[in-house]
Amino acid sequence: MKINEIRELSDEELSAELERLRRHVFDLRSQSVTEKLEDPSMVTKARRDIARILTVQRQRAHAAAVAGAESERK
């Protein structure tokens, strides 16, 4: 998933996608332990997608906090 695609998602969609990816990483780890994982790079890709989603969520939270602080000053 690319960062532009992630930024287009709503907050609810981001949360759902984050949960889905966390389950996917868990499943991939389980497959890795039982040596049934076909492509080991899938774990890395999923973890990077999780990091991208968390980054966008933090950016949005920070932007909301800054906007809230500016509205209190006025």
C-alpha atoms as a PDB file:
ATOM      1  CA  MET A   1       0.000   0.000   0.000  1.00  0.00           C
ATOM      2  CA  LYS A   2       1.387   3.376  -0.948  1.00  0.00           C
ATOM      3  CA  ILE A   3       1.382   6.433   1.299  1.00  0.00           C
ATOM      4  CA  ASN A   4      -0.931   8.358  -1.042  1.00  0.00           C
ATOM      5  CA  GLU A   5      -3.495   5.558  -0.822  1.00  0.00           C
ATOM      6  CA  ILE A   6      -3.236   5.578   2.963  1.00  0.00           C
ATOM      7  CA  ARG A   7      -3.691   9.346   3.202  1.00  0.00           C
ATOM      8  CA  GLU A   8      -6.925   9.104   1.199  1.00  0.00           C
ATOM      9  CA  LEU A   9      -8.500   6.757   3.770  1.00  0.00           C
ATOM     10  CA  SER A  10     -10.730   8.049   6.563  1.00  0.00           C
ATOM     11  CA  ASP A  11      -9.827   7.575  10.223  1.00  0.00           C
ATOM     12  CA  GLU A  12     -12.207   4.631  10.569  1.00  0.00           C
ATOM     13  CA  GLU A  13     -10.820   2.977   7.462  1.00  0.00           C
ATOM     14  CA  LEU A  14      -7.281   3.459   8.764  1.00  0.00           C
ATOM     15  CA  SER A  15      -8.152   1.775  12.043  1.00  0.00           C
ATOM     16  CA  ALA A  16      -9.777  -1.153  10.247  1.00  0.00           C
ATOM     17  CA  GLU A  17      -6.828  -1.521   7.875  1.00  0.00           C
ATOM     18  CA  LEU A  18      -4.391  -1.375  10.801  1.00  0.00           C
ATOM     19  CA  GLU A  19      -6.251  -4.159  12.595  1.00  0.00           C
ATOM     20  CA  ARG A  20      -6.352  -6.249   9.406  1.00  0.00           C
ATOM     21  CA  LEU A  21      -2.614  -5.823   8.852  1.00  0.00           C
ATOM     22  CA  ARG A  22      -1.777  -6.721  12.448  1.00  0.00           C
ATOM     23  CA  ARG A  23      -3.741  -9.961  12.078  1.00  0.00           C
ATOM     24  CA  HIS A  24      -1.987 -10.581   8.763  1.00  0.00           C
ATOM     25  CA  VAL A  25       1.449 -10.173  10.373  1.00  0.00           C
ATOM     26  CA  PHE A  26       0.413 -12.596  13.113  1.00  0.00           C
ATOM     27  CA  ASP A  27      -0.676 -15.135  10.497  1.00  0.00           C
ATOM     28  CA  LEU A  28       2.553 -14.659   8.568  1.00  0.00           C
ATOM     29  CA  ARG A  29       4.596 -15.223  11.715  1.00  0.00           C
ATOM     30  CA  SER A  30       2.660 -18.406  12.399  1.00  0.00           C
ATOM     31  CA  GLN A  31       3.381 -19.602   8.888  1.00  0.00           C
ATOM     32  CA  SER A  32       7.039 -18.694   9.343  1.00  0.00           C
ATOM     33  CA  VAL A  33       7.318 -20.810  12.474  1.00  0.00           C
ATOM     34  CA  THR A  34       5.778 -23.823  10.758  1.00  0.00           C
ATOM     35  CA  GLU A  35       7.981 -23.195   7.693  1.00  0.00           C
ATOM     36  CA  LYS A  36       4.991 -22.792   5.370  1.00  0.00           C
ATOM     37  CA  LEU A  37       5.710 -19.181   4.487  1.00  0.00           C
ATOM     38  CA  GLU A  38       6.304 -18.888   0.752  1.00  0.00           C
ATOM     39  CA  ASP A  39       7.648 -15.323   0.647  1.00  0.00           C
ATOM     40  CA  PRO A  40       9.477 -14.084   3.773  1.00  0.00           C
ATOM     41  CA  SER A  41       9.476 -10.504   2.486  1.00  0.00           C
ATOM     42  CA  MET A  42       5.702 -10.364   3.046  1.00  0.00           C
ATOM     43  CA  VAL A  43       6.303  -9.902   6.782  1.00  0.00           C
ATOM     44  CA  THR A  44       8.502  -6.873   6.145  1.00  0.00           C
ATOM     45  CA  LYS A  45       6.028  -5.365   3.677  1.00  0.00           C
ATOM     46  CA  ALA A  46       3.132  -5.748   6.101  1.00  0.00           C
ATOM     47  CA  ARG A  47       5.140  -4.229   8.954  1.00  0.00           C
ATOM     48  CA  ARG A  48       6.050  -1.244   6.787  1.00  0.00           C
ATOM     49  CA  ASP A  49       2.401  -0.743   5.867  1.00  0.00           C
ATOM     50  CA  ILE A  50       1.561  -0.763   9.590  1.00  0.00           C
ATOM     51  CA  ALA A  51       4.242   1.863  10.181  1.00  0.00           C
ATOM     52  CA  ARG A  52       2.860   4.016   7.367  1.00  0.00           C
ATOM     53  CA  ILE A  53      -0.650   3.866   8.810  1.00  0.00           C
ATOM     54  CA  LEU A  54       0.590   4.729  12.298  1.00  0.00           C
ATOM     55  CA  THR A  55       2.541   7.656  10.871  1.00  0.00           C
ATOM     56  CA  VAL A  56      -0.517   9.069   9.112  1.00  0.00           C
ATOM     57  CA  GLN A  57      -2.617   8.633  12.261  1.00  0.00           C
ATOM     58  CA  ARG A  58      -0.022  10.499  14.332  1.00  0.00           C
ATOM     59  CA  GLN A  59       0.229  13.269  11.747  1.00  0.00           C
ATOM     60  CA  ARG A  60      -3.534  13.723  11.838  1.00  0.00           C
ATOM     61  CA  ALA A  61      -3.586  13.736  15.648  1.00  0.00           C
ATOM     62  CA  HIS A  62      -0.794  16.304  15.727  1.00  0.00           C
ATOM     63  CA  ALA A  63      -2.554  18.511  13.166  1.00  0.00           C
ATOM     64  CA  ALA A  64      -5.754  18.355  15.232  1.00  0.00           C
ATOM     65  CA  ALA A  65      -3.865  19.262  18.400  1.00  0.00           C
ATOM     66  CA  VAL A  66      -2.204  22.230  16.714  1.00  0.00           C
ATOM     67  CA  ALA A  67      -5.529  23.394  15.293  1.00  0.00           C
ATOM     68  CA  GLY A  68      -7.103  23.090  18.746  1.00  0.00           C
ATOM     69  CA  ALA A  69      -4.306  25.066  20.361  1.00  0.00           C
ATOM     70  CA  GLU A  70      -4.615  27.817  17.764  1.00  0.00           C
ATOM     71  CA  SER A  71      -8.368  28.070  18.276  1.00  0.00           C
ATOM     72  CA  GLU A  72      -7.843  28.461  22.049  1.00  0.00           C
ATOM     73  CA  ARG A  73      -5.480  31.397  21.483  1.00  0.00           C
ATOM     74  CA  LYS A  74      -8.096  33.352  19.588  1.00  0.00           C
END
